[in-house]
């Protein structure tokens, strides 16, 4: 990922080399399957090959296509990309990226926000401010967070242009054309547990419809944004069923077996 925060940047090519090494290791030591094929076999009670692995990506960062896909293709590895229609179209702001960009490009040395003072004197202080602000923003309803972010960015007054980090619809079509799987990551990447049941239903159903119509594919699988226990709830599971998803993927650590609930598939996240 081309993340905006300086402490998440690495020397040119380091991420690509590290990813290539990880994928070479998987190609030698694991049996990499397409995600949905693996889930279908689990649902049927069929045995998976030993050390079965499915590779997944969330959000639709542009470098998934430009850097990761060529490596996957060279090694003949399948992968699934969970995409957000709002990010593909530019309608949705990736608030966590905007926050990092605004903090590290602000001329301010101090930020007073909602009764708290955040020092911005150096990169270490800015990192601390970012890490303290993220949880304050994450668990707000999407509409409230959008308003808050707009005011926060205005107050930080960052210089320069906001970077474009995500692929567009043409990039999503290129993934499909090159034989990779695309599935749903909601329509606008909210923390679903913070939305009403009706809003959750809208997010999940609309994402599936837009992806199917724009990409001319069938969508059967959802990845919950963030995906941990606080990030979805019983209403989310009901909304996923009602929207027609067969499976949903969490970020709950662990392995998935034939007894794993189909709407709470486990996943090992690599950052």
Protein backbone atom coordinates (compact mmCIF):
# COMPACT_ATOMS: atom_id res chain seq x y z
CA UNK A 1 0.00 0.00 0.00
CA UNK A 2 1.12 3.55 -0.68
CA UNK A 3 -0.01 4.72 2.75
CA UNK A 4 0.26 8.41 3.56
CA UNK A 5 1.77 8.14 7.04
CA UNK A 6 5.59 8.39 7.01
CA UNK A 7 6.14 5.54 9.49
CA UNK A 8 4.31 3.20 7.10
CA UNK A 9 6.56 4.07 4.19
CA UNK A 10 9.53 1.94 3.24
CA UNK A 11 12.46 2.36 0.83
CA UNK A 12 11.42 2.09 -2.83
CA UNK A 13 10.77 -1.50 -3.81
CA UNK A 14 10.90 -2.89 -0.26
CA UNK A 15 7.20 -3.73 -0.11
CA UNK A 16 7.26 -5.35 -3.51
CA UNK A 17 10.30 -7.46 -2.61
CA UNK A 18 8.79 -8.50 0.70
CA UNK A 19 5.48 -9.44 -0.90
CA UNK A 20 7.25 -11.42 -3.63
CA UNK A 21 9.18 -13.34 -0.98
CA UNK A 22 5.97 -14.13 0.92
CA UNK A 23 4.26 -15.35 -2.24
CA UNK A 24 7.24 -17.48 -3.27
CA UNK A 25 7.13 -19.09 0.16
CA UNK A 26 3.42 -19.83 -0.21
CA UNK A 27 3.92 -21.25 -3.69
CA UNK A 28 6.53 -23.69 -2.33
CA UNK A 29 4.94 -24.65 0.98
CA UNK A 30 1.15 -24.31 0.58
CA UNK A 31 -1.65 -25.25 -1.76
CA UNK A 32 -3.11 -21.90 -2.87
CA UNK A 33 -6.78 -22.14 -3.89
CA UNK A 34 -9.30 -19.57 -5.11
CA UNK A 35 -11.22 -18.45 -2.03
CA UNK A 36 -14.69 -19.39 -3.23
CA UNK A 37 -13.56 -22.79 -4.46
CA UNK A 38 -12.09 -23.50 -1.02
CA UNK A 39 -15.27 -22.30 0.71
CA UNK A 40 -17.46 -24.40 -1.58
CA UNK A 41 -15.44 -27.48 -0.74
CA UNK A 42 -15.73 -26.76 2.98
CA UNK A 43 -19.49 -26.31 2.64
CA UNK A 44 -19.78 -29.65 0.82
CA UNK A 45 -17.74 -31.41 3.49
CA UNK A 46 -15.05 -32.22 0.94
CA UNK A 47 -11.44 -32.43 2.04
CA UNK A 48 -9.10 -29.58 1.24
CA UNK A 49 -5.51 -30.27 0.25
CA UNK A 50 -2.96 -30.03 3.04
CA UNK A 51 -1.86 -26.50 3.94
CA UNK A 52 -4.70 -24.96 1.92
CA UNK A 53 -4.43 -21.18 1.62
CA UNK A 54 -6.58 -18.51 -0.05
CA UNK A 55 -5.00 -15.10 -0.71
CA UNK A 56 -7.19 -12.01 -0.23
CA UNK A 57 -6.81 -8.23 -0.48
CA UNK A 58 -9.12 -5.57 0.94
CA UNK A 59 -10.06 -2.03 -0.16
CA UNK A 60 -8.72 -1.87 -3.72
CA UNK A 61 -5.44 0.00 -3.36
CA UNK A 62 -4.01 0.80 -6.79
CA UNK A 63 -0.75 -0.98 -6.06
CA UNK A 64 -2.66 -4.23 -5.62
CA UNK A 65 -3.02 -4.11 -9.40
CA UNK A 66 0.28 -2.51 -10.39
CA UNK A 67 2.61 -4.32 -7.97
CA UNK A 68 0.92 -7.40 -6.50
CA UNK A 69 -0.88 -8.79 -9.54
CA UNK A 70 2.26 -9.22 -11.72
CA UNK A 71 3.90 -11.20 -8.90
CA UNK A 72 0.82 -13.39 -8.47
CA UNK A 73 0.68 -13.99 -12.21
CA UNK A 74 4.35 -14.97 -12.42
CA UNK A 75 3.82 -17.54 -9.66
CA UNK A 76 0.44 -18.72 -10.96
CA UNK A 77 -1.34 -17.87 -7.69
CA UNK A 78 -5.06 -17.15 -7.43
CA UNK A 79 -6.30 -14.25 -5.29
CA UNK A 80 -9.54 -12.50 -4.34
CA UNK A 81 -9.88 -8.71 -4.15
CA UNK A 82 -12.62 -7.24 -1.94
CA UNK A 83 -13.55 -3.89 -3.50
CA UNK A 84 -15.60 -0.86 -2.41
CA UNK A 85 -17.75 0.73 -5.15
CA UNK A 86 -17.56 4.12 -3.44
CA UNK A 87 -13.76 4.08 -3.51
CA UNK A 88 -13.70 2.84 -7.11
CA UNK A 89 -15.90 5.75 -8.19
CA UNK A 90 -14.23 8.35 -5.95
CA UNK A 91 -17.52 8.96 -4.12
CA UNK A 92 -16.18 7.66 -0.79
CA UNK A 93 -13.29 9.12 1.16
CA UNK A 94 -10.82 6.69 2.72
CA UNK A 95 -10.91 8.65 5.94
CA UNK A 96 -7.96 6.84 7.57
CA UNK A 97 -5.75 7.83 4.62
CA UNK A 98 -7.09 11.39 4.52
CA UNK A 99 -6.41 11.71 8.23
CA UNK A 100 -2.78 10.62 7.83
CA UNK A 101 -2.26 12.95 4.87
CA UNK A 102 -3.84 15.91 6.68
CA UNK A 103 -1.86 15.44 9.91
CA UNK A 104 1.50 15.02 8.20
CA UNK A 105 0.99 17.88 5.78
CA UNK A 106 -0.47 20.37 8.25
CA UNK A 107 1.45 23.57 9.05
CA UNK A 108 0.08 23.44 12.60
CA UNK A 109 2.31 22.51 15.53
CA UNK A 110 -0.68 21.95 17.81
CA UNK A 111 -4.26 20.84 17.23
CA UNK A 112 -7.11 21.56 19.64
CA UNK A 113 -9.91 19.16 18.87
CA UNK A 114 -13.04 18.25 20.85
CA UNK A 115 -11.49 19.31 24.15
CA UNK A 116 -8.13 17.60 23.59
CA UNK A 117 -4.83 19.16 22.55
CA UNK A 118 -2.66 17.16 20.15
CA UNK A 119 0.94 18.28 19.65
CA UNK A 120 2.23 18.17 16.07
CA UNK A 121 5.78 19.37 16.64
CA UNK A 122 7.59 16.50 14.93
CA UNK A 123 6.87 13.22 13.14
CA UNK A 124 6.72 11.29 16.41
CA UNK A 125 4.11 13.68 17.82
CA UNK A 126 2.11 13.54 14.59
CA UNK A 127 2.18 9.76 14.65
CA UNK A 128 0.90 9.79 18.23
CA UNK A 129 -1.87 12.24 17.25
CA UNK A 130 -2.86 10.02 14.33
CA UNK A 131 -2.98 6.89 16.48
CA UNK A 132 -5.10 8.66 19.11
CA UNK A 133 -7.52 10.14 16.56
CA UNK A 134 -8.16 6.93 14.58
CA UNK A 135 -10.20 5.14 17.29
CA UNK A 136 -12.09 8.37 18.03
CA UNK A 137 -13.21 8.52 14.40
CA UNK A 138 -13.54 4.84 13.53
CA UNK A 139 -16.53 4.04 15.71
CA UNK A 140 -18.73 6.90 14.52
CA UNK A 141 -21.61 6.41 12.14
CA UNK A 142 -20.47 7.10 8.60
CA UNK A 143 -22.49 10.30 8.16
CA UNK A 144 -21.20 11.73 11.46
CA UNK A 145 -17.62 10.78 10.63
CA UNK A 146 -17.85 12.41 7.20
CA UNK A 147 -18.91 15.71 8.80
CA UNK A 148 -16.23 15.43 11.49
CA UNK A 149 -13.51 14.63 8.96
CA UNK A 150 -14.44 17.60 6.81
CA UNK A 151 -14.14 19.95 9.78
CA UNK A 152 -10.93 18.31 10.98
CA UNK A 153 -9.22 18.56 7.58
CA UNK A 154 -10.30 22.20 7.31
CA UNK A 155 -8.74 22.93 10.69
CA UNK A 156 -5.51 21.10 9.86
CA UNK A 157 -5.28 22.99 6.51
CA UNK A 158 -2.87 20.52 4.89
CA UNK A 159 -0.76 21.67 1.97
CA UNK A 160 -0.44 19.83 -1.33
CA UNK A 161 -2.77 17.51 -3.20
CA UNK A 162 -4.39 14.53 -1.54
CA UNK A 163 -2.85 11.39 -3.10
CA UNK A 164 -4.96 9.05 -5.21
CA UNK A 165 -4.29 5.63 -3.69
CA UNK A 166 -7.14 3.48 -4.98
CA UNK A 167 -7.91 1.83 -8.28
CA UNK A 168 -10.94 2.91 -10.29
CA UNK A 169 -13.58 0.88 -12.13
CA UNK A 170 -11.19 0.31 -15.03
CA UNK A 171 -8.72 -1.18 -12.57
CA UNK A 172 -11.41 -3.47 -11.18
CA UNK A 173 -12.30 -4.59 -14.71
CA UNK A 174 -8.62 -5.29 -15.33
CA UNK A 175 -8.53 -7.60 -12.31
CA UNK A 176 -11.48 -9.53 -13.72
CA UNK A 177 -9.99 -9.60 -17.21
CA UNK A 178 -6.78 -11.08 -15.84
CA UNK A 179 -8.65 -13.88 -14.12
CA UNK A 180 -8.73 -12.73 -10.52
CA UNK A 181 -11.80 -12.88 -8.29
CA UNK A 182 -13.54 -9.68 -7.18
CA UNK A 183 -15.97 -9.66 -4.26
CA UNK A 184 -17.72 -7.09 -2.05
CA UNK A 185 -16.28 -4.95 0.74
CA UNK A 186 -19.51 -2.89 1.23
CA UNK A 187 -20.47 0.21 -0.71
CA UNK A 188 -18.69 2.90 1.33
CA UNK A 189 -16.52 1.05 3.90
CA UNK A 190 -18.37 1.94 7.13
CA UNK A 191 -17.94 0.19 10.45
CA UNK A 192 -21.16 -1.76 10.02
CA UNK A 193 -21.86 -2.18 13.74
CA UNK A 194 -22.22 1.62 13.99
CA UNK A 195 -24.92 1.81 11.31
CA UNK A 196 -28.65 1.12 11.67
CA UNK A 197 -30.01 -2.23 10.40
CA UNK A 198 -31.57 -0.41 7.43
CA UNK A 199 -28.29 1.33 6.60
CA UNK A 200 -26.41 -1.95 6.85
CA UNK A 201 -28.87 -3.60 4.47
CA UNK A 202 -28.43 -0.72 2.03
CA UNK A 203 -24.63 -0.91 2.21
CA UNK A 204 -24.48 -4.64 1.56
CA UNK A 205 -27.21 -4.93 -1.07
CA UNK A 206 -26.13 -1.86 -3.04
CA UNK A 207 -22.49 -2.94 -3.09
CA UNK A 208 -23.40 -6.33 -4.49
CA UNK A 209 -25.68 -4.83 -7.15
CA UNK A 210 -23.14 -2.21 -8.28
CA UNK A 211 -20.27 -4.65 -8.54
CA UNK A 212 -22.33 -7.17 -10.47
CA UNK A 213 -23.67 -4.55 -12.88
CA UNK A 214 -20.39 -2.69 -13.45
CA UNK A 215 -18.13 -5.74 -13.69
CA UNK A 216 -20.60 -8.28 -15.13
CA UNK A 217 -19.71 -10.90 -12.54
CA UNK A 218 -21.52 -12.75 -9.77
CA UNK A 219 -20.87 -11.58 -6.21
CA UNK A 220 -21.27 -14.21 -3.50
CA UNK A 221 -18.84 -13.15 -0.78
CA UNK A 222 -18.50 -10.14 1.52
CA UNK A 223 -15.56 -8.95 3.63
CA UNK A 224 -16.63 -6.83 6.59
CA UNK A 225 -14.71 -3.53 6.80
CA UNK A 226 -12.14 -3.81 9.60
CA UNK A 227 -13.76 -7.19 10.31
CA UNK A 228 -13.11 -7.68 14.01
CA UNK A 229 -15.69 -8.52 16.71
CA UNK A 230 -16.53 -4.83 17.41
CA UNK A 231 -16.98 -4.06 13.71
CA UNK A 232 -20.06 -6.15 12.88
CA UNK A 233 -23.00 -7.51 14.86
CA UNK A 234 -26.06 -9.77 14.66
CA UNK A 235 -27.84 -7.21 12.48
CA UNK A 236 -24.88 -7.36 10.08
CA UNK A 237 -25.23 -11.12 9.73
CA UNK A 238 -28.94 -10.74 9.04
CA UNK A 239 -28.27 -8.01 6.47
CA UNK A 240 -25.66 -10.16 4.74
CA UNK A 241 -28.11 -13.04 4.44
CA UNK A 242 -30.86 -10.76 3.17
CA UNK A 243 -28.50 -9.23 0.59
CA UNK A 244 -27.79 -12.68 -0.83
CA UNK A 245 -24.23 -13.30 0.29
CA UNK A 246 -23.25 -16.94 0.69
CA UNK A 247 -20.13 -16.21 2.73
CA UNK A 248 -18.65 -13.32 4.68
CA UNK A 249 -15.05 -12.88 5.75
CA UNK A 250 -13.89 -11.44 9.06
CA UNK A 251 -10.45 -10.50 10.38
CA UNK A 252 -10.87 -12.86 13.33
CA UNK A 253 -7.54 -14.66 13.52
CA UNK A 254 -7.52 -18.39 12.92
CA UNK A 255 -8.17 -21.15 10.44
CA UNK A 256 -11.51 -21.88 8.80
CA UNK A 257 -12.95 -25.40 8.78
CA UNK A 258 -16.22 -27.03 7.79
CA UNK A 259 -17.68 -25.98 11.17
CA UNK A 260 -16.84 -22.28 10.78
CA UNK A 261 -20.05 -20.21 10.34
CA UNK A 262 -20.26 -19.24 6.65
CA UNK A 263 -20.84 -15.58 7.50
CA UNK A 264 -17.92 -15.47 9.96
CA UNK A 265 -15.04 -17.01 8.03
CA UNK A 266 -11.72 -16.61 9.85
CA UNK A 267 -8.70 -14.93 8.28
CA UNK A 268 -5.04 -14.36 9.08
CA UNK A 269 -4.32 -10.70 8.39
CA UNK A 270 -0.85 -9.66 7.18
CA UNK A 271 -0.10 -5.93 7.39
